[in-house]
N, C-alpha and C. Protein backbone atom coordinates (compact mmCIF):
# COMPACT_ATOMS: atom_id res chain seq x y z
N MET A 1 71.96 60.11 128.78
CA MET A 1 71.58 60.19 127.39
C MET A 1 70.07 60.38 127.31
N ASN A 2 69.65 61.19 126.33
CA ASN A 2 68.22 61.44 126.16
C ASN A 2 67.54 60.24 125.52
N SER A 3 66.37 59.92 126.03
CA SER A 3 65.60 58.84 125.43
C SER A 3 64.80 59.40 124.26
N PRO A 4 64.56 58.60 123.25
CA PRO A 4 63.81 59.10 122.10
C PRO A 4 62.38 59.44 122.47
N THR A 5 61.85 60.45 121.83
CA THR A 5 60.48 60.89 122.08
C THR A 5 59.53 59.90 121.41
N PRO A 6 58.56 59.39 122.15
CA PRO A 6 57.61 58.45 121.53
C PRO A 6 56.73 59.20 120.53
N LEU A 7 56.42 58.54 119.44
CA LEU A 7 55.60 59.15 118.40
C LEU A 7 54.12 58.89 118.68
N THR A 8 53.63 59.52 119.71
CA THR A 8 52.21 59.42 120.03
C THR A 8 51.42 60.28 119.06
N SER A 9 50.14 60.08 119.02
CA SER A 9 49.32 60.86 118.10
C SER A 9 49.35 62.34 118.47
N ALA A 10 49.44 62.66 119.76
CA ALA A 10 49.51 64.07 120.19
C ALA A 10 50.82 64.70 119.71
N HIS A 11 51.90 63.93 119.83
CA HIS A 11 53.21 64.44 119.39
C HIS A 11 53.22 64.62 117.87
N GLN A 12 52.64 63.67 117.14
CA GLN A 12 52.58 63.79 115.68
C GLN A 12 51.72 64.97 115.25
N ALA A 13 50.63 65.21 115.96
CA ALA A 13 49.76 66.35 115.64
C ALA A 13 50.51 67.66 115.87
N HIS A 14 51.31 67.71 116.94
CA HIS A 14 52.11 68.91 117.23
C HIS A 14 53.14 69.14 116.12
N LEU A 15 53.81 68.07 115.69
CA LEU A 15 54.80 68.19 114.60
C LEU A 15 54.12 68.59 113.29
N ARG A 16 52.93 68.04 113.03
CA ARG A 16 52.19 68.39 111.82
C ARG A 16 51.84 69.88 111.81
N ARG A 17 51.44 70.42 112.95
CA ARG A 17 51.14 71.85 113.04
C ARG A 17 52.39 72.69 112.78
N LYS A 18 53.52 72.26 113.32
CA LYS A 18 54.77 73.00 113.10
C LYS A 18 55.15 73.00 111.62
N VAL A 19 55.08 71.82 110.99
CA VAL A 19 55.43 71.72 109.58
C VAL A 19 54.48 72.56 108.75
N SER A 20 53.19 72.51 109.06
CA SER A 20 52.21 73.31 108.32
C SER A 20 52.49 74.79 108.49
N ALA A 21 52.84 75.22 109.69
CA ALA A 21 53.14 76.64 109.93
C ALA A 21 54.36 77.08 109.14
N VAL A 22 55.38 76.25 109.08
CA VAL A 22 56.59 76.58 108.32
C VAL A 22 56.27 76.66 106.83
N ILE A 23 55.51 75.69 106.33
CA ILE A 23 55.17 75.68 104.90
C ILE A 23 54.37 76.92 104.54
N TRP A 24 53.36 77.26 105.33
CA TRP A 24 52.56 78.43 105.01
C TRP A 24 53.36 79.73 105.13
N THR A 25 54.28 79.77 106.07
CA THR A 25 55.14 80.95 106.20
C THR A 25 56.01 81.10 104.96
N LEU A 26 56.60 80.00 104.51
CA LEU A 26 57.44 80.05 103.31
C LEU A 26 56.62 80.40 102.08
N ARG A 27 55.40 79.90 101.99
CA ARG A 27 54.53 80.24 100.87
C ARG A 27 54.24 81.74 100.85
N ILE A 28 53.91 82.29 101.99
CA ILE A 28 53.58 83.71 102.08
C ILE A 28 54.80 84.56 101.75
N VAL A 29 55.96 84.19 102.30
CA VAL A 29 57.18 84.95 102.03
C VAL A 29 57.54 84.87 100.54
N ALA A 30 57.37 83.71 99.92
CA ALA A 30 57.66 83.57 98.49
C ALA A 30 56.74 84.46 97.65
N CYS A 31 55.48 84.52 98.01
CA CYS A 31 54.53 85.38 97.27
C CYS A 31 54.87 86.86 97.46
N ILE A 32 55.23 87.24 98.68
CA ILE A 32 55.61 88.63 98.94
C ILE A 32 56.87 88.98 98.16
N TYR A 33 57.83 88.07 98.15
CA TYR A 33 59.08 88.32 97.41
C TYR A 33 58.81 88.48 95.92
N THR A 34 57.96 87.61 95.36
CA THR A 34 57.64 87.68 93.94
C THR A 34 56.94 89.00 93.60
N ALA A 35 56.02 89.42 94.45
CA ALA A 35 55.32 90.69 94.22
C ALA A 35 56.28 91.87 94.36
N TRP A 36 57.19 91.80 95.32
CA TRP A 36 58.16 92.87 95.53
C TRP A 36 59.09 93.01 94.32
N VAL A 37 59.56 91.89 93.79
CA VAL A 37 60.42 91.95 92.61
C VAL A 37 59.66 92.54 91.43
N PHE A 38 58.39 92.15 91.26
CA PHE A 38 57.58 92.72 90.19
C PHE A 38 57.44 94.23 90.37
N TRP A 39 57.22 94.67 91.61
CA TRP A 39 57.09 96.10 91.91
C TRP A 39 58.37 96.84 91.52
N LEU A 40 59.52 96.24 91.79
CA LEU A 40 60.80 96.87 91.43
C LEU A 40 61.01 96.90 89.92
N ILE A 41 60.53 95.87 89.23
CA ILE A 41 60.69 95.81 87.78
C ILE A 41 59.90 96.92 87.09
N VAL A 42 58.69 97.17 87.57
CA VAL A 42 57.85 98.19 86.92
C VAL A 42 58.11 99.60 87.46
N LEU A 43 59.15 99.76 88.27
CA LEU A 43 59.52 101.07 88.80
C LEU A 43 59.69 102.13 87.71
N PRO A 44 60.33 101.83 86.58
CA PRO A 44 60.46 102.86 85.55
C PRO A 44 59.12 103.35 85.01
N LEU A 45 58.10 102.52 85.05
CA LEU A 45 56.79 102.93 84.55
C LEU A 45 56.05 103.82 85.54
N ARG A 46 56.34 103.66 86.82
CA ARG A 46 55.65 104.44 87.85
C ARG A 46 56.21 105.85 87.96
N ASP A 47 57.54 105.98 87.94
CA ASP A 47 58.17 107.29 88.10
C ASP A 47 59.41 107.35 87.22
N ARG A 48 59.19 107.48 85.94
CA ARG A 48 60.27 107.42 84.96
C ARG A 48 61.38 108.44 85.21
N PRO A 49 61.07 109.73 85.40
CA PRO A 49 62.17 110.70 85.59
C PRO A 49 63.04 110.41 86.81
N ALA A 50 62.42 110.07 87.93
CA ALA A 50 63.20 109.79 89.14
C ALA A 50 64.05 108.53 88.95
N PHE A 51 63.47 107.52 88.31
CA PHE A 51 64.21 106.29 88.06
C PHE A 51 65.42 106.56 87.17
N LEU A 52 65.21 107.29 86.08
CA LEU A 52 66.31 107.58 85.16
C LEU A 52 67.38 108.46 85.81
N GLU A 53 66.94 109.36 86.69
CA GLU A 53 67.91 110.20 87.43
C GLU A 53 68.81 109.34 88.31
N ARG A 54 68.21 108.42 89.07
CA ARG A 54 69.00 107.56 89.96
C ARG A 54 69.92 106.63 89.16
N LEU A 55 69.36 106.05 88.10
CA LEU A 55 70.15 105.14 87.28
C LEU A 55 71.29 105.88 86.58
N GLY A 56 71.01 107.07 86.08
CA GLY A 56 72.05 107.86 85.44
C GLY A 56 73.15 108.26 86.40
N ASN A 57 72.79 108.60 87.63
CA ASN A 57 73.80 108.91 88.65
C ASN A 57 74.64 107.69 88.97
N TYR A 58 74.00 106.53 89.04
CA TYR A 58 74.71 105.29 89.36
C TYR A 58 75.72 104.95 88.26
N TRP A 59 75.32 105.10 87.00
CA TRP A 59 76.19 104.78 85.88
C TRP A 59 77.03 105.97 85.42
N GLN A 60 76.82 107.12 86.00
CA GLN A 60 77.51 108.36 85.65
C GLN A 60 77.32 108.70 84.17
N ARG A 61 76.07 108.62 83.76
CA ARG A 61 75.67 108.95 82.40
C ARG A 61 74.37 109.75 82.47
N ASP A 62 74.17 110.62 81.48
CA ASP A 62 72.90 111.33 81.38
C ASP A 62 71.98 110.50 80.48
N ILE A 63 71.07 109.77 81.09
CA ILE A 63 70.22 108.86 80.31
C ILE A 63 68.77 109.35 80.24
N HIS A 64 68.56 110.64 80.45
CA HIS A 64 67.20 111.17 80.40
C HIS A 64 66.55 111.05 79.02
N GLY A 65 67.35 110.87 78.00
CA GLY A 65 66.81 110.78 76.65
C GLY A 65 66.43 109.38 76.23
N VAL A 66 66.28 108.47 77.18
CA VAL A 66 65.91 107.10 76.87
C VAL A 66 64.57 107.08 76.15
N THR A 67 64.54 106.36 75.04
CA THR A 67 63.30 106.27 74.26
C THR A 67 62.41 105.16 74.83
N ASP A 68 61.17 105.16 74.39
CA ASP A 68 60.22 104.16 74.89
C ASP A 68 60.65 102.74 74.56
N TRP A 69 61.17 102.51 73.36
CA TRP A 69 61.54 101.15 72.99
C TRP A 69 62.70 100.64 73.85
N GLN A 70 63.62 101.55 74.24
CA GLN A 70 64.73 101.14 75.11
C GLN A 70 64.19 100.73 76.48
N LEU A 71 63.30 101.56 77.01
CA LEU A 71 62.70 101.27 78.31
C LEU A 71 61.92 99.96 78.28
N TRP A 72 61.12 99.76 77.23
CA TRP A 72 60.32 98.55 77.14
C TRP A 72 61.17 97.31 76.86
N SER A 73 62.29 97.47 76.18
CA SER A 73 63.20 96.34 75.96
C SER A 73 63.79 95.86 77.29
N ALA A 74 64.26 96.80 78.09
CA ALA A 74 64.80 96.44 79.41
C ALA A 74 63.71 95.86 80.30
N LEU A 75 62.54 96.48 80.26
CA LEU A 75 61.42 95.99 81.06
C LEU A 75 60.99 94.59 80.61
N GLY A 76 60.94 94.36 79.31
CA GLY A 76 60.57 93.04 78.79
C GLY A 76 61.55 91.97 79.20
N LEU A 77 62.84 92.29 79.16
CA LEU A 77 63.85 91.33 79.59
C LEU A 77 63.69 91.00 81.07
N ASN A 78 63.47 92.03 81.87
CA ASN A 78 63.25 91.80 83.31
C ASN A 78 62.00 90.98 83.56
N LEU A 79 60.94 91.24 82.83
CA LEU A 79 59.70 90.49 83.02
C LEU A 79 59.85 89.03 82.58
N ALA A 80 60.65 88.79 81.54
CA ALA A 80 60.92 87.41 81.12
C ALA A 80 61.67 86.66 82.24
N LEU A 81 62.65 87.31 82.84
CA LEU A 81 63.37 86.69 83.95
C LEU A 81 62.45 86.51 85.16
N TRP A 82 61.56 87.49 85.38
CA TRP A 82 60.61 87.40 86.49
C TRP A 82 59.66 86.22 86.30
N SER A 83 59.32 85.91 85.05
CA SER A 83 58.42 84.78 84.81
C SER A 83 59.07 83.47 85.24
N LEU A 84 60.39 83.38 85.14
CA LEU A 84 61.09 82.19 85.66
C LEU A 84 61.00 82.13 87.18
N LEU A 85 61.11 83.28 87.82
CA LEU A 85 60.93 83.33 89.27
C LEU A 85 59.52 82.92 89.65
N LEU A 86 58.55 83.40 88.92
CA LEU A 86 57.16 83.04 89.17
C LEU A 86 56.94 81.54 88.99
N ALA A 87 57.55 80.96 87.96
CA ALA A 87 57.45 79.51 87.75
C ALA A 87 58.10 78.75 88.89
N ALA A 88 59.23 79.24 89.41
CA ALA A 88 59.89 78.58 90.53
C ALA A 88 59.00 78.61 91.77
N VAL A 89 58.39 79.74 92.04
CA VAL A 89 57.50 79.86 93.21
C VAL A 89 56.29 78.95 93.03
N PHE A 90 55.74 78.88 91.83
CA PHE A 90 54.61 78.00 91.57
C PHE A 90 54.98 76.54 91.83
N CYS A 91 56.16 76.13 91.36
CA CYS A 91 56.60 74.74 91.56
C CYS A 91 56.79 74.42 93.04
N VAL A 92 57.39 75.33 93.77
CA VAL A 92 57.58 75.11 95.21
C VAL A 92 56.22 75.09 95.92
N TRP A 93 55.29 75.92 95.46
CA TRP A 93 53.93 75.91 96.01
C TRP A 93 53.29 74.53 95.79
N GLN A 94 53.45 73.99 94.58
CA GLN A 94 52.90 72.67 94.29
C GLN A 94 53.55 71.59 95.15
N ALA A 95 54.87 71.66 95.32
CA ALA A 95 55.57 70.69 96.16
C ALA A 95 55.06 70.76 97.60
N SER A 96 54.86 71.96 98.09
CA SER A 96 54.38 72.09 99.47
C SER A 96 52.93 71.64 99.58
N ARG A 97 52.17 71.75 98.50
CA ARG A 97 50.78 71.24 98.52
C ARG A 97 50.79 69.73 98.69
N HIS A 98 51.67 69.05 97.95
CA HIS A 98 51.79 67.59 98.09
C HIS A 98 52.27 67.23 99.49
N LEU A 99 53.18 68.00 100.01
CA LEU A 99 53.70 67.74 101.35
C LEU A 99 52.63 67.94 102.42
N LEU A 100 51.81 68.97 102.26
CA LEU A 100 50.73 69.21 103.22
C LEU A 100 49.64 68.14 103.16
N GLN A 101 49.40 67.60 101.97
CA GLN A 101 48.33 66.61 101.82
C GLN A 101 48.63 65.32 102.56
N ASN A 102 49.84 64.83 102.43
CA ASN A 102 50.12 63.52 103.03
C ASN A 102 51.24 63.54 104.06
N MET A 103 51.82 64.69 104.30
CA MET A 103 52.93 64.84 105.26
C MET A 103 53.99 63.76 105.05
N GLY A 104 54.19 63.41 103.82
CA GLY A 104 55.21 62.44 103.49
C GLY A 104 55.99 62.91 102.28
N ILE A 105 57.16 62.35 102.14
CA ILE A 105 57.99 62.73 101.00
C ILE A 105 57.80 61.68 99.92
N GLY A 106 57.31 62.14 98.81
CA GLY A 106 57.05 61.22 97.71
C GLY A 106 57.66 61.74 96.42
N PRO A 107 57.51 60.96 95.37
CA PRO A 107 58.08 61.37 94.08
C PRO A 107 57.50 62.67 93.55
N ALA A 108 56.21 62.91 93.77
CA ALA A 108 55.59 64.14 93.26
C ALA A 108 56.18 65.37 93.95
N THR A 109 56.35 65.28 95.27
CA THR A 109 56.93 66.40 96.02
C THR A 109 58.35 66.67 95.52
N SER A 110 59.12 65.61 95.37
CA SER A 110 60.50 65.74 94.91
C SER A 110 60.56 66.34 93.50
N LEU A 111 59.68 65.88 92.63
CA LEU A 111 59.68 66.37 91.25
C LEU A 111 59.37 67.86 91.20
N TRP A 112 58.37 68.31 91.95
CA TRP A 112 58.03 69.73 91.96
C TRP A 112 59.14 70.57 92.58
N LEU A 113 59.79 70.05 93.62
CA LEU A 113 60.92 70.79 94.21
C LEU A 113 62.08 70.91 93.23
N GLN A 114 62.34 69.83 92.50
CA GLN A 114 63.42 69.87 91.50
C GLN A 114 63.11 70.90 90.42
N ARG A 115 61.88 70.91 89.96
CA ARG A 115 61.49 71.89 88.94
C ARG A 115 61.65 73.32 89.46
N GLY A 116 61.20 73.54 90.69
CA GLY A 116 61.34 74.87 91.29
C GLY A 116 62.79 75.29 91.41
N ALA A 117 63.64 74.36 91.83
CA ALA A 117 65.06 74.67 91.97
C ALA A 117 65.68 75.00 90.61
N TRP A 118 65.33 74.24 89.58
CA TRP A 118 65.89 74.51 88.25
C TRP A 118 65.40 75.82 87.68
N PHE A 119 64.11 76.14 87.90
CA PHE A 119 63.61 77.44 87.45
C PHE A 119 64.33 78.57 88.19
N GLY A 120 64.52 78.41 89.49
CA GLY A 120 65.22 79.43 90.28
C GLY A 120 66.66 79.61 89.84
N LEU A 121 67.35 78.50 89.62
CA LEU A 121 68.74 78.59 89.13
C LEU A 121 68.80 79.23 87.75
N SER A 122 67.85 78.88 86.89
CA SER A 122 67.80 79.49 85.55
C SER A 122 67.60 81.00 85.64
N ALA A 123 66.68 81.41 86.50
CA ALA A 123 66.44 82.85 86.66
C ALA A 123 67.69 83.56 87.17
N SER A 124 68.39 82.95 88.12
CA SER A 124 69.59 83.58 88.68
C SER A 124 70.70 83.70 87.64
N PHE A 125 70.99 82.59 86.96
CA PHE A 125 72.09 82.61 86.00
C PHE A 125 71.77 83.46 84.77
N LEU A 126 70.53 83.38 84.29
CA LEU A 126 70.17 84.22 83.14
C LEU A 126 70.15 85.69 83.52
N GLY A 127 69.75 86.00 84.75
CA GLY A 127 69.79 87.38 85.22
C GLY A 127 71.21 87.92 85.21
N LEU A 128 72.15 87.10 85.66
CA LEU A 128 73.56 87.51 85.64
C LEU A 128 74.08 87.61 84.20
N LEU A 129 73.71 86.65 83.37
CA LEU A 129 74.18 86.62 82.00
C LEU A 129 73.65 87.81 81.19
N PHE A 130 72.38 88.18 81.42
CA PHE A 130 71.76 89.26 80.66
C PHE A 130 71.93 90.63 81.29
N SER A 131 72.60 90.72 82.41
CA SER A 131 72.74 92.03 83.07
C SER A 131 73.44 93.08 82.19
N PRO A 132 74.42 92.73 81.36
CA PRO A 132 75.02 93.76 80.51
C PRO A 132 74.03 94.34 79.50
N LEU A 133 73.03 93.56 79.10
CA LEU A 133 72.04 94.07 78.15
C LEU A 133 71.24 95.22 78.74
N MET A 134 71.01 95.20 80.05
CA MET A 134 70.25 96.28 80.68
C MET A 134 70.96 97.62 80.52
N SER A 135 72.24 97.62 80.88
CA SER A 135 72.98 98.87 80.75
C SER A 135 73.11 99.27 79.28
N TYR A 136 73.22 98.30 78.41
CA TYR A 136 73.32 98.60 76.98
C TYR A 136 72.02 99.21 76.45
N PHE A 137 70.88 98.62 76.83
CA PHE A 137 69.59 99.16 76.39
C PHE A 137 69.40 100.60 76.85
N TYR A 138 69.74 100.87 78.11
CA TYR A 138 69.50 102.21 78.66
C TYR A 138 70.46 103.27 78.12
N THR A 139 71.62 102.86 77.58
CA THR A 139 72.60 103.84 77.09
C THR A 139 72.73 103.82 75.57
N LEU A 140 71.87 103.11 74.89
CA LEU A 140 71.96 102.96 73.44
C LEU A 140 71.71 104.27 72.70
N HIS A 141 70.98 105.19 73.29
CA HIS A 141 70.70 106.46 72.62
C HIS A 141 71.88 107.43 72.70
N LEU A 142 72.86 107.13 73.55
CA LEU A 142 74.04 107.99 73.69
C LEU A 142 75.02 107.71 72.55
N GLU A 143 76.01 108.56 72.41
CA GLU A 143 77.03 108.32 71.39
C GLU A 143 77.79 107.03 71.73
N PRO A 144 78.30 106.34 70.75
CA PRO A 144 78.90 105.02 70.96
C PRO A 144 79.97 104.96 72.06
N ALA A 145 80.72 106.00 72.25
CA ALA A 145 81.76 105.98 73.29
C ALA A 145 81.16 105.91 74.69
N LEU A 146 79.91 106.30 74.85
CA LEU A 146 79.27 106.32 76.17
C LEU A 146 78.37 105.10 76.43
N HIS A 147 78.27 104.21 75.44
CA HIS A 147 77.47 102.99 75.66
C HIS A 147 78.10 102.17 76.79
N LEU A 148 77.24 101.56 77.58
CA LEU A 148 77.72 100.70 78.66
C LEU A 148 77.40 99.24 78.36
N TRP A 149 78.30 98.40 78.73
CA TRP A 149 78.11 96.96 78.70
C TRP A 149 78.63 96.49 80.05
N ARG A 150 77.80 96.67 81.07
CA ARG A 150 78.27 96.53 82.45
C ARG A 150 77.64 95.31 83.12
N TRP A 151 78.49 94.49 83.71
CA TRP A 151 78.02 93.34 84.48
C TRP A 151 77.56 93.82 85.84
N GLU A 152 76.41 93.37 86.24
CA GLU A 152 75.89 93.70 87.57
C GLU A 152 75.91 92.42 88.39
N PHE A 153 76.87 92.31 89.30
CA PHE A 153 76.98 91.13 90.16
C PHE A 153 76.72 91.59 91.58
N HIS A 154 75.65 91.09 92.16
CA HIS A 154 75.27 91.47 93.51
C HIS A 154 75.39 90.25 94.44
N PRO A 155 75.60 90.47 95.73
CA PRO A 155 75.72 89.34 96.67
C PRO A 155 74.48 88.45 96.71
N ASN A 156 73.31 89.00 96.40
CA ASN A 156 72.12 88.17 96.45
C ASN A 156 72.13 87.09 95.36
N PHE A 157 72.95 87.26 94.33
CA PHE A 157 73.09 86.20 93.32
C PHE A 157 73.61 84.93 93.98
N LEU A 158 74.64 85.08 94.81
CA LEU A 158 75.19 83.90 95.50
C LEU A 158 74.16 83.27 96.43
N MET A 159 73.38 84.11 97.12
CA MET A 159 72.35 83.58 98.01
C MET A 159 71.27 82.84 97.21
N ASP A 160 70.91 83.37 96.05
CA ASP A 160 69.93 82.69 95.19
C ASP A 160 70.45 81.33 94.76
N VAL A 161 71.70 81.28 94.33
CA VAL A 161 72.28 80.01 93.87
C VAL A 161 72.39 79.02 95.02
N LEU A 162 72.81 79.49 96.19
CA LEU A 162 72.89 78.60 97.35
C LEU A 162 71.53 78.06 97.75
N THR A 163 70.52 78.92 97.76
CA THR A 163 69.18 78.50 98.14
C THR A 163 68.62 77.49 97.14
N CYS A 164 68.75 77.78 95.86
CA CYS A 164 68.23 76.86 94.85
C CYS A 164 69.04 75.56 94.82
N GLY A 165 70.33 75.66 95.04
CA GLY A 165 71.15 74.45 95.13
C GLY A 165 70.76 73.58 96.31
N LEU A 166 70.49 74.20 97.44
CA LEU A 166 70.03 73.47 98.62
C LEU A 166 68.68 72.82 98.35
N LEU A 167 67.79 73.55 97.70
CA LEU A 167 66.48 73.02 97.35
C LEU A 167 66.62 71.82 96.41
N LEU A 168 67.51 71.91 95.45
CA LEU A 168 67.75 70.80 94.54
C LEU A 168 68.31 69.58 95.27
N MET A 169 69.24 69.83 96.21
CA MET A 169 69.80 68.73 96.99
C MET A 169 68.72 68.04 97.82
N VAL A 170 67.87 68.83 98.47
CA VAL A 170 66.79 68.27 99.29
C VAL A 170 65.83 67.47 98.41
N ALA A 171 65.54 67.98 97.22
CA ALA A 171 64.63 67.28 96.30
C ALA A 171 65.21 65.93 95.90
N HIS A 172 66.51 65.88 95.61
CA HIS A 172 67.13 64.61 95.25
C HIS A 172 67.18 63.66 96.44
N LEU A 173 67.42 64.18 97.63
CA LEU A 173 67.40 63.34 98.83
C LEU A 173 66.00 62.79 99.07
N MET A 174 64.99 63.62 98.83
CA MET A 174 63.61 63.15 99.00
C MET A 174 63.30 62.02 98.02
N ALA A 175 63.74 62.16 96.79
CA ALA A 175 63.50 61.10 95.80
C ALA A 175 64.22 59.82 96.21
N TRP A 176 65.43 59.95 96.69
CA TRP A 176 66.21 58.79 97.11
C TRP A 176 65.55 58.11 98.31
N MET A 177 65.13 58.91 99.31
CA MET A 177 64.47 58.33 100.49
C MET A 177 63.15 57.68 100.11
N SER A 178 62.45 58.23 99.16
CA SER A 178 61.20 57.65 98.69
C SER A 178 61.44 56.29 98.04
N GLU A 179 62.51 56.19 97.25
CA GLU A 179 62.86 54.91 96.64
C GLU A 179 63.22 53.87 97.69
N ILE A 180 63.99 54.29 98.70
CA ILE A 180 64.37 53.37 99.77
C ILE A 180 63.14 52.90 100.53
N ALA A 181 62.21 53.82 100.80
CA ALA A 181 60.97 53.44 101.49
C ALA A 181 60.16 52.42 100.68
N GLU A 182 60.11 52.61 99.37
CA GLU A 182 59.38 51.66 98.51
C GLU A 182 60.05 50.29 98.52
N GLU A 183 61.39 50.28 98.50
CA GLU A 183 62.11 49.00 98.54
C GLU A 183 61.86 48.30 99.86
N ASN A 184 61.90 49.07 100.96
CA ASN A 184 61.66 48.48 102.27
C ASN A 184 60.23 47.97 102.41
N LYS A 185 59.29 48.67 101.78
CA LYS A 185 57.89 48.25 101.83
C LYS A 185 57.72 46.90 101.12
N ALA A 186 58.50 46.70 100.07
CA ALA A 186 58.42 45.46 99.32
C ALA A 186 58.93 44.27 100.15
N PHE A 187 59.90 44.52 101.05
CA PHE A 187 60.43 43.45 101.88
C PHE A 187 59.46 43.03 102.98
N VAL A 188 58.65 43.98 103.43
CA VAL A 188 57.71 43.71 104.54
C VAL A 188 56.50 43.08 104.00
């Protein structure tokens, strides 16, 4: 049987470096992901004809006659959902800041993680709920028989929900462990 590793200061310093590396990697990946999603949202503004061509082929509709208000309505809805993603990343950034400062799990870390998880879940569910509005906005200029009210369900929705659910579970476990640590501290 393996003997437990002693928690020497050298071993703790090594673990601290590993945790710091993981936190900074996750922070960087979250920022890249947020920027990438923003880049995809503003795609219609960068190359409107090519975007409308691809979208029209996907929906099998000629949507080249999309007016500016239709485009900006869809873009505004996407940016509102993106702001929830940005809030989730900010909350997780704050939680990791608390974790980096004291390398301990406390109520502040748990609270920020919970907020981040709820913002992420809100963004995912509202994105799924509002997906028919996107197709409706883009096809509103067509005759009524050609209007679309199409649900867009992608596999990444499930991954988003699983990730945010896991984050929420970890946040609640952190809060519970923090309470237990405080109770134990009171006994000593």
